[in-house]
Amino acid sequence: MIKPILKTLLTLFICCSAFIAKAQLGYNFSQWDIGTSVAFNQVKGDAQTQTTMPSINFNITFNSTPYVNYVLEAQLGKLRGGDSVATSTGRYFNNDFYAIIFRGQLQFGEFLDYSHSQLANAFKNLYVSAGVGFINNHITQINRYSKMIPGFYTGGQDRSQDPFIPLRIGYEFKLYNKYEKPSVKIDFGYEANIDLSDNLDGFTTPGHHDMYTQFTMGVKFALGGLSSYRKQIIY
């Protein structure tokens, strides 16, 4: 009598355990990511032409949920623009910069119901982001005089440190491991970094703030700090 009861209880326990384990598939995520990216930068400033220059970025991300993220990023690269011969102002510059950025990131999956719609499921990884940044500018090459307009001169600073506001939109492709947990993330983004001064290009003109834009491509790897989400992540 006891053996059949024990067998029944054991079977129920195994079934319940399997059901709970299966129910958790697609719900777990890592709270921390580490990543890197490359960016292609242009300065919208006082120079008359823009030049695309590269930078490399390193970041660490805290994931409050799979779709609410807080990113700390370091950037190192070059900004360049202008032409000392072919433009009327003669403005040309090269800036070797580094920057630190902290931003919050909201992916659409946080508020979309993507469980019954392929379109919503495709949009769940689209995100918007904003925050604060600080940039160190080092102008290594510059031309302040015009060859076309006699006596035309543009002043400015060769070294400066400025705060700026990063605004970003992007898409994060999530790659899942065998436990259906996001383990690798491929990120594509466009970012406008609005300088709160006029020093990115080394030229200072009245009533004008500089900014630099970036197209970025990056990868992130899950570190750990396992947590669970209120709804299934993968569909």
C-alpha atoms as a PDB file:
ATOM      1  CA  MET A   1       0.000   0.000   0.000  1.00  0.00           C
ATOM      2  CA  ILE A   2       2.800   2.393   0.961  1.00  0.00           C
ATOM      3  CA  LYS A   3       4.905   1.650  -2.136  1.00  0.00           C
ATOM      4  CA  PRO A   4       2.173   2.659  -4.652  1.00  0.00           C
ATOM      5  CA  ILE A   5       1.595   5.902  -2.716  1.00  0.00           C
ATOM      6  CA  LEU A   6       5.322   6.689  -2.658  1.00  0.00           C
ATOM      7  CA  LYS A   7       5.584   5.982  -6.389  1.00  0.00           C
ATOM      8  CA  THR A   8       2.631   8.274  -7.070  1.00  0.00           C
ATOM      9  CA  LEU A   9       4.089  11.079  -4.935  1.00  0.00           C
ATOM     10  CA  LEU A  10       7.498  10.680  -6.594  1.00  0.00           C
ATOM     11  CA  THR A  11       5.915  10.817 -10.058  1.00  0.00           C
ATOM     12  CA  LEU A  12       3.969  13.962  -9.128  1.00  0.00           C
ATOM     13  CA  PHE A  13       7.124  15.572  -7.740  1.00  0.00           C
ATOM     14  CA  ILE A  14       9.101  14.825 -10.918  1.00  0.00           C
ATOM     15  CA  CYS A  15       6.287  16.122 -13.131  1.00  0.00           C
ATOM     16  CA  CYS A  16       5.946  19.322 -11.113  1.00  0.00           C
ATOM     17  CA  SER A  17       9.699  19.878 -11.141  1.00  0.00           C
ATOM     18  CA  ALA A  18       9.820  19.400 -14.910  1.00  0.00           C
ATOM     19  CA  PHE A  19       6.868  21.767 -15.376  1.00  0.00           C
ATOM     20  CA  ILE A  20       8.462  24.475 -13.208  1.00  0.00           C
ATOM     21  CA  ALA A  21      11.803  24.125 -14.988  1.00  0.00           C
ATOM     22  CA  LYS A  22      10.106  24.331 -18.370  1.00  0.00           C
ATOM     23  CA  ALA A  23       8.063  27.328 -17.265  1.00  0.00           C
ATOM     24  CA  GLN A  24      11.271  29.194 -16.427  1.00  0.00           C
ATOM     25  CA  LEU A  25      12.717  28.759 -19.923  1.00  0.00           C
ATOM     26  CA  GLY A  26      12.815  32.118 -21.642  1.00  0.00           C
ATOM     27  CA  TYR A  27      12.355  34.059 -18.376  1.00  0.00           C
ATOM     28  CA  ASN A  28      15.920  34.301 -17.049  1.00  0.00           C
ATOM     29  CA  PHE A  29      18.498  36.943 -17.941  1.00  0.00           C
ATOM     30  CA  SER A  30      21.891  38.197 -16.768  1.00  0.00           C
ATOM     31  CA  GLN A  31      21.933  41.482 -14.912  1.00  0.00           C
ATOM     32  CA  TRP A  32      25.411  42.439 -16.173  1.00  0.00           C
ATOM     33  CA  ASP A  33      26.894  42.683 -19.678  1.00  0.00           C
ATOM     34  CA  ILE A  34      30.319  43.743 -20.883  1.00  0.00           C
ATOM     35  CA  GLY A  35      30.887  44.897 -24.438  1.00  0.00           C
ATOM     36  CA  THR A  36      32.751  46.856 -27.058  1.00  0.00           C
ATOM     37  CA  SER A  37      31.841  48.674 -30.264  1.00  0.00           C
ATOM     38  CA  VAL A  38      33.250  50.681 -33.120  1.00  0.00           C
ATOM     39  CA  ALA A  39      31.791  54.025 -34.147  1.00  0.00           C
ATOM     40  CA  PHE A  40      32.000  56.302 -37.168  1.00  0.00           C
ATOM     41  CA  ASN A  41      31.877  59.938 -36.104  1.00  0.00           C
ATOM     42  CA  GLN A  42      31.088  63.285 -37.716  1.00  0.00           C
ATOM     43  CA  VAL A  43      31.212  66.731 -36.125  1.00  0.00           C
ATOM     44  CA  LYS A  44      28.420  69.206 -36.830  1.00  0.00           C
ATOM     45  CA  GLY A  45      30.211  72.394 -35.888  1.00  0.00           C
ATOM     46  CA  ASP A  46      31.906  75.464 -37.318  1.00  0.00           C
ATOM     47  CA  ALA A  47      33.883  73.749 -40.087  1.00  0.00           C
ATOM     48  CA  GLN A  48      32.165  73.858 -43.463  1.00  0.00           C
ATOM     49  CA  THR A  49      32.691  70.193 -44.356  1.00  0.00           C
ATOM     50  CA  GLN A  50      32.477  66.977 -42.332  1.00  0.00           C
ATOM     51  CA  THR A  51      34.883  64.037 -42.295  1.00  0.00           C
ATOM     52  CA  THR A  52      33.975  60.592 -40.950  1.00  0.00           C
ATOM     53  CA  MET A  53      36.469  59.339 -38.366  1.00  0.00           C
ATOM     54  CA  PRO A  54      36.565  56.185 -36.190  1.00  0.00           C
ATOM     55  CA  SER A  55      36.452  55.574 -32.464  1.00  0.00           C
ATOM     56  CA  ILE A  56      36.380  52.513 -30.239  1.00  0.00           C
ATOM     57  CA  ASN A  57      34.028  52.178 -27.279  1.00  0.00           C
ATOM     58  CA  PHE A  58      33.991  49.972 -24.193  1.00  0.00           C
ATOM     59  CA  ASN A  59      30.927  49.558 -22.015  1.00  0.00           C
ATOM     60  CA  ILE A  60      29.449  47.794 -19.035  1.00  0.00           C
ATOM     61  CA  THR A  61      25.672  47.439 -18.714  1.00  0.00           C
ATOM     62  CA  PHE A  62      23.392  46.808 -15.760  1.00  0.00           C
ATOM     63  CA  ASN A  63      20.117  45.206 -16.862  1.00  0.00           C
ATOM     64  CA  SER A  64      17.294  46.073 -14.492  1.00  0.00           C
ATOM     65  CA  THR A  65      15.133  43.974 -16.830  1.00  0.00           C
ATOM     66  CA  PRO A  66      15.997  42.557 -20.271  1.00  0.00           C
ATOM     67  CA  TYR A  67      14.598  45.794 -21.716  1.00  0.00           C
ATOM     68  CA  VAL A  68      15.593  48.455 -19.147  1.00  0.00           C
ATOM     69  CA  ASN A  69      19.351  48.980 -19.191  1.00  0.00           C
ATOM     70  CA  TYR A  70      21.892  51.364 -17.665  1.00  0.00           C
ATOM     71  CA  VAL A  71      25.096  51.775 -19.676  1.00  0.00           C
ATOM     72  CA  LEU A  72      28.483  53.182 -18.616  1.00  0.00           C
ATOM     73  CA  GLU A  73      30.683  53.730 -21.675  1.00  0.00           C
ATOM     74  CA  ALA A  74      34.183  54.986 -22.464  1.00  0.00           C
ATOM     75  CA  GLN A  75      34.999  56.290 -25.953  1.00  0.00           C
ATOM     76  CA  LEU A  76      38.392  56.899 -27.530  1.00  0.00           C
ATOM     77  CA  GLY A  77      38.914  58.187 -31.060  1.00  0.00           C
ATOM     78  CA  LYS A  78      39.251  61.062 -33.515  1.00  0.00           C
ATOM     79  CA  LEU A  79      37.048  63.879 -34.753  1.00  0.00           C
ATOM     80  CA  ARG A  80      37.971  65.786 -37.918  1.00  0.00           C
ATOM     81  CA  GLY A  81      36.461  68.255 -40.336  1.00  0.00           C
ATOM     82  CA  GLY A  82      36.918  71.208 -42.643  1.00  0.00           C
ATOM     83  CA  ASP A  83      39.360  72.023 -45.411  1.00  0.00           C
ATOM     84  CA  SER A  84      42.047  74.693 -45.180  1.00  0.00           C
ATOM     85  CA  VAL A  85      42.241  75.151 -48.969  1.00  0.00           C
ATOM     86  CA  ALA A  86      38.832  74.465 -50.537  1.00  0.00           C
ATOM     87  CA  THR A  87      36.526  76.317 -48.093  1.00  0.00           C
ATOM     88  CA  SER A  88      35.994  80.049 -47.701  1.00  0.00           C
ATOM     89  CA  THR A  89      36.644  80.088 -43.930  1.00  0.00           C
ATOM     90  CA  GLY A  90      39.721  77.853 -44.197  1.00  0.00           C
ATOM     91  CA  ARG A  91      38.696  76.052 -41.011  1.00  0.00           C
ATOM     92  CA  TYR A  92      40.272  72.632 -40.556  1.00  0.00           C
ATOM     93  CA  PHE A  93      40.773  70.621 -37.344  1.00  0.00           C
ATOM     94  CA  ASN A  94      41.745  67.252 -35.918  1.00  0.00           C
ATOM     95  CA  ASN A  95      40.600  66.341 -32.402  1.00  0.00           C
ATOM     96  CA  ASP A  96      41.969  63.321 -30.489  1.00  0.00           C
ATOM     97  CA  PHE A  97      39.240  62.851 -27.890  1.00  0.00           C
ATOM     98  CA  TYR A  98      38.084  60.586 -25.126  1.00  0.00           C
ATOM     99  CA  ALA A  99      34.673  60.612 -23.475  1.00  0.00           C
ATOM    100  CA  ILE A 100      32.757  59.013 -20.609  1.00  0.00           C
ATOM    101  CA  ILE A 101      28.997  58.466 -20.964  1.00  0.00           C
ATOM    102  CA  PHE A 102      26.279  57.238 -18.628  1.00  0.00           C
ATOM    103  CA  ARG A 103      22.851  56.670 -20.159  1.00  0.00           C
ATOM    104  CA  GLY A 104      19.586  54.899 -19.526  1.00  0.00           C
ATOM    105  CA  GLN A 105      18.136  52.712 -22.265  1.00  0.00           C
ATOM    106  CA  LEU A 106      14.506  51.661 -22.773  1.00  0.00           C
ATOM    107  CA  GLN A 107      13.714  48.829 -25.189  1.00  0.00           C
ATOM    108  CA  PHE A 108      10.184  48.540 -26.563  1.00  0.00           C
ATOM    109  CA  GLY A 109       9.787  45.009 -25.187  1.00  0.00           C
ATOM    110  CA  GLU A 110       9.306  46.521 -21.739  1.00  0.00           C
ATOM    111  CA  PHE A 111       5.842  47.822 -22.661  1.00  0.00           C
ATOM    112  CA  LEU A 112       4.903  45.849 -25.814  1.00  0.00           C
ATOM    113  CA  ASP A 113       2.870  42.640 -25.650  1.00  0.00           C
ATOM    114  CA  TYR A 114       4.945  40.649 -28.149  1.00  0.00           C
ATOM    115  CA  SER A 115       3.615  37.189 -27.305  1.00  0.00           C
ATOM    116  CA  HIS A 116       0.902  37.142 -30.001  1.00  0.00           C
ATOM    117  CA  SER A 117       2.379  39.327 -32.736  1.00  0.00           C
ATOM    118  CA  GLN A 118       5.377  38.677 -34.968  1.00  0.00           C
ATOM    119  CA  LEU A 119       5.577  42.411 -35.716  1.00  0.00           C
ATOM    120  CA  ALA A 120       5.644  43.348 -32.026  1.00  0.00           C
ATOM    121  CA  ASN A 121       8.191  40.593 -31.410  1.00  0.00           C
ATOM    122  CA  ALA A 122      10.422  42.153 -34.081  1.00  0.00           C
ATOM    123  CA  PHE A 123      10.090  45.601 -32.490  1.00  0.00           C
ATOM    124  CA  LYS A 124      10.732  44.492 -28.897  1.00  0.00           C
ATOM    125  CA  ASN A 125      14.519  45.033 -29.225  1.00  0.00           C
ATOM    126  CA  LEU A 126      14.237  48.566 -30.632  1.00  0.00           C
ATOM    127  CA  TYR A 127      15.384  51.110 -28.049  1.00  0.00           C
ATOM    128  CA  VAL A 128      15.781  54.790 -27.216  1.00  0.00           C
ATOM    129  CA  SER A 129      18.418  56.120 -24.854  1.00  0.00           C
ATOM    130  CA  ALA A 130      19.544  59.354 -23.197  1.00  0.00           C
ATOM    131  CA  GLY A 131      21.963  60.397 -20.496  1.00  0.00           C
ATOM    132  CA  VAL A 132      24.946  62.598 -19.677  1.00  0.00           C
ATOM    133  CA  GLY A 133      28.530  62.623 -20.925  1.00  0.00           C
ATOM    134  CA  PHE A 134      31.871  64.331 -20.472  1.00  0.00           C
ATOM    135  CA  ILE A 135      34.400  64.780 -23.292  1.00  0.00           C
ATOM    136  CA  ASN A 136      38.089  65.718 -23.242  1.00  0.00           C
ATOM    137  CA  ASN A 137      39.125  67.512 -26.442  1.00  0.00           C
ATOM    138  CA  HIS A 138      42.722  67.689 -27.662  1.00  0.00           C
ATOM    139  CA  ILE A 139      43.095  69.625 -30.929  1.00  0.00           C
ATOM    140  CA  THR A 140      46.261  68.255 -32.548  1.00  0.00           C
ATOM    141  CA  GLN A 141      45.904  70.029 -35.914  1.00  0.00           C
ATOM    142  CA  ILE A 142      44.029  73.204 -36.767  1.00  0.00           C
ATOM    143  CA  ASN A 143      43.890  76.013 -39.315  1.00  0.00           C
ATOM    144  CA  ARG A 144      42.279  79.249 -38.156  1.00  0.00           C
ATOM    145  CA  TYR A 145      42.979  81.523 -41.148  1.00  0.00           C
ATOM    146  CA  SER A 146      41.181  81.773 -44.490  1.00  0.00           C
ATOM    147  CA  LYS A 147      43.165  81.772 -47.720  1.00  0.00           C
ATOM    148  CA  MET A 148      40.157  83.141 -49.609  1.00  0.00           C
ATOM    149  CA  ILE A 149      39.161  85.980 -47.264  1.00  0.00           C
ATOM    150  CA  PRO A 150      42.116  88.180 -46.229  1.00  0.00           C
ATOM    151  CA  GLY A 151      42.289  88.750 -42.485  1.00  0.00           C
ATOM    152  CA  PHE A 152      39.571  86.204 -41.667  1.00  0.00           C
ATOM    153  CA  TYR A 153      40.418  84.387 -38.426  1.00  0.00           C
ATOM    154  CA  THR A 154      38.480  82.035 -36.133  1.00  0.00           C
ATOM    155  CA  GLY A 155      39.639  81.733 -32.524  1.00  0.00           C
ATOM    156  CA  GLY A 156      39.046  78.922 -30.048  1.00  0.00           C
ATOM    157  CA  GLN A 157      40.584  76.497 -27.565  1.00  0.00           C
ATOM    158  CA  ASP A 158      43.033  73.720 -28.372  1.00  0.00           C
ATOM    159  CA  ARG A 159      42.244  71.828 -25.146  1.00  0.00           C
ATOM    160  CA  SER A 160      38.919  71.668 -23.317  1.00  0.00           C
ATOM    161  CA  GLN A 161      36.683  69.469 -21.176  1.00  0.00           C
ATOM    162  CA  ASP A 162      32.966  69.732 -21.772  1.00  0.00           C
ATOM    163  CA  PRO A 163      29.698  68.101 -20.663  1.00  0.00           C
ATOM    164  CA  PHE A 164      27.311  66.873 -23.340  1.00  0.00           C
ATOM    165  CA  ILE A 165      23.958  65.138 -23.760  1.00  0.00           C
ATOM    166  CA  PRO A 166      23.893  61.791 -25.629  1.00  0.00           C
ATOM    167  CA  LEU A 167      20.651  60.897 -27.449  1.00  0.00           C
ATOM    168  CA  ARG A 168      20.536  57.486 -29.079  1.00  0.00           C
ATOM    169  CA  ILE A 169      18.250  55.152 -31.014  1.00  0.00           C
ATOM    170  CA  GLY A 170      19.184  51.594 -31.885  1.00  0.00           C
ATOM    171  CA  TYR A 171      18.385  47.912 -32.169  1.00  0.00           C
ATOM    172  CA  GLU A 172      19.774  45.034 -30.111  1.00  0.00           C
ATOM    173  CA  PHE A 173      19.783  41.533 -31.629  1.00  0.00           C
ATOM    174  CA  LYS A 174      19.671  38.999 -28.792  1.00  0.00           C
ATOM    175  CA  LEU A 175      21.325  35.592 -29.231  1.00  0.00           C
ATOM    176  CA  TYR A 176      20.169  32.903 -26.798  1.00  0.00           C
ATOM    177  CA  ASN A 177      21.965  29.966 -25.204  1.00  0.00           C
ATOM    178  CA  LYS A 178      20.513  26.488 -24.721  1.00  0.00           C
ATOM    179  CA  TYR A 179      18.599  27.716 -21.646  1.00  0.00           C
ATOM    180  CA  GLU A 180      16.923  30.403 -23.795  1.00  0.00           C
ATOM    181  CA  LYS A 181      18.733  33.136 -21.861  1.00  0.00           C
ATOM    182  CA  PRO A 182      20.195  36.134 -23.786  1.00  0.00           C
ATOM    183  CA  SER A 183      23.949  35.495 -23.778  1.00  0.00           C
ATOM    184  CA  VAL A 184      25.254  37.600 -26.689  1.00  0.00           C
ATOM    185  CA  LYS A 185      23.803  40.871 -27.987  1.00  0.00           C
ATOM    186  CA  ILE A 186      24.622  42.541 -31.309  1.00  0.00           C
ATOM    187  CA  ASP A 187      23.937  46.271 -31.177  1.00  0.00           C
ATOM    188  CA  PHE A 188      23.430  48.813 -33.970  1.00  0.00           C
ATOM    189  CA  GLY A 189      22.843  52.443 -33.058  1.00  0.00           C
ATOM    190  CA  TYR A 190      22.795  56.073 -34.118  1.00  0.00           C
ATOM    191  CA  GLU A 191      23.775  58.650 -31.504  1.00  0.00           C
ATOM    192  CA  ALA A 192      23.742  62.451 -31.438  1.00  0.00           C
ATOM    193  CA  ASN A 193      26.023  63.901 -28.762  1.00  0.00           C
ATOM    194  CA  ILE A 194      25.040  67.520 -28.119  1.00  0.00           C
ATOM    195  CA  ASP A 195      27.956  69.496 -26.674  1.00  0.00           C
ATOM    196  CA  LEU A 196      26.967  72.098 -24.081  1.00  0.00           C
ATOM    197  CA  SER A 197      29.770  74.349 -25.335  1.00  0.00           C
ATOM    198  CA  ASP A 198      31.446  75.158 -28.654  1.00  0.00           C
ATOM    199  CA  ASN A 199      34.788  73.407 -28.357  1.00  0.00           C
ATOM    200  CA  LEU A 200      34.605  70.096 -30.254  1.00  0.00           C
ATOM    201  CA  ASP A 201      36.281  71.538 -33.338  1.00  0.00           C
ATOM    202  CA  GLY A 202      38.502  74.110 -31.616  1.00  0.00           C
ATOM    203  CA  PHE A 203      36.564  77.025 -33.156  1.00  0.00           C
ATOM    204  CA  THR A 204      34.384  79.395 -31.133  1.00  0.00           C
ATOM    205  CA  THR A 205      31.618  81.316 -32.901  1.00  0.00           C
ATOM    206  CA  PRO A 206      28.760  83.313 -31.332  1.00  0.00           C
ATOM    207  CA  GLY A 207      25.517  81.510 -30.484  1.00  0.00           C
ATOM    208  CA  HIS A 208      26.537  78.070 -31.697  1.00  0.00           C
ATOM    209  CA  HIS A 209      26.966  74.704 -29.959  1.00  0.00           C
ATOM    210  CA  ASP A 210      28.765  71.763 -31.551  1.00  0.00           C
ATOM    211  CA  MET A 211      27.692  68.139 -31.639  1.00  0.00           C
ATOM    212  CA  TYR A 212      29.092  64.891 -32.972  1.00  0.00           C
ATOM    213  CA  THR A 213      27.052  62.049 -34.408  1.00  0.00           C
ATOM    214  CA  GLN A 214      27.929  58.354 -34.391  1.00  0.00           C
ATOM    215  CA  PHE A 215      26.913  55.212 -36.222  1.00  0.00           C
ATOM    216  CA  THR A 216      27.894  52.318 -33.953  1.00  0.00           C
ATOM    217  CA  MET A 217      28.198  48.546 -34.266  1.00  0.00           C
ATOM    218  CA  GLY A 218      28.938  46.529 -31.155  1.00  0.00           C
ATOM    219  CA  VAL A 219      28.703  43.292 -29.251  1.00  0.00           C
ATOM    220  CA  LYS A 220      27.904  42.557 -25.598  1.00  0.00           C
ATOM    221  CA  PHE A 221      28.431  39.401 -23.558  1.00  0.00           C
ATOM    222  CA  ALA A 222      26.397  38.364 -20.518  1.00  0.00           C
ATOM    223  CA  LEU A 223      28.487  38.291 -17.341  1.00  0.00           C
ATOM    224  CA  GLY A 224      26.180  36.932 -14.659  1.00  0.00           C
ATOM    225  CA  GLY A 225      23.943  38.008 -11.810  1.00  0.00           C
ATOM    226  CA  LEU A 226      21.060  35.807 -12.929  1.00  0.00           C
ATOM    227  CA  SER A 227      17.572  37.215 -12.493  1.00  0.00           C
ATOM    228  CA  SER A 228      14.088  36.391 -13.828  1.00  0.00           C
ATOM    229  CA  TYR A 229      11.613  38.459 -15.810  1.00  0.00           C
ATOM    230  CA  ARG A 230       7.835  38.656 -15.526  1.00  0.00           C
ATOM    231  CA  LYS A 231       7.251  37.417 -19.091  1.00  0.00           C
ATOM    232  CA  GLN A 232       8.934  35.143 -21.583  1.00  0.00           C
ATOM    233  CA  ILE A 233      11.856  36.807 -23.386  1.00  0.00           C
ATOM    234  CA  ILE A 234      12.266  34.562 -26.431  1.00  0.00           C
ATOM    235  CA  TYR A 235       9.481  33.745 -28.906  1.00  0.00           C
END
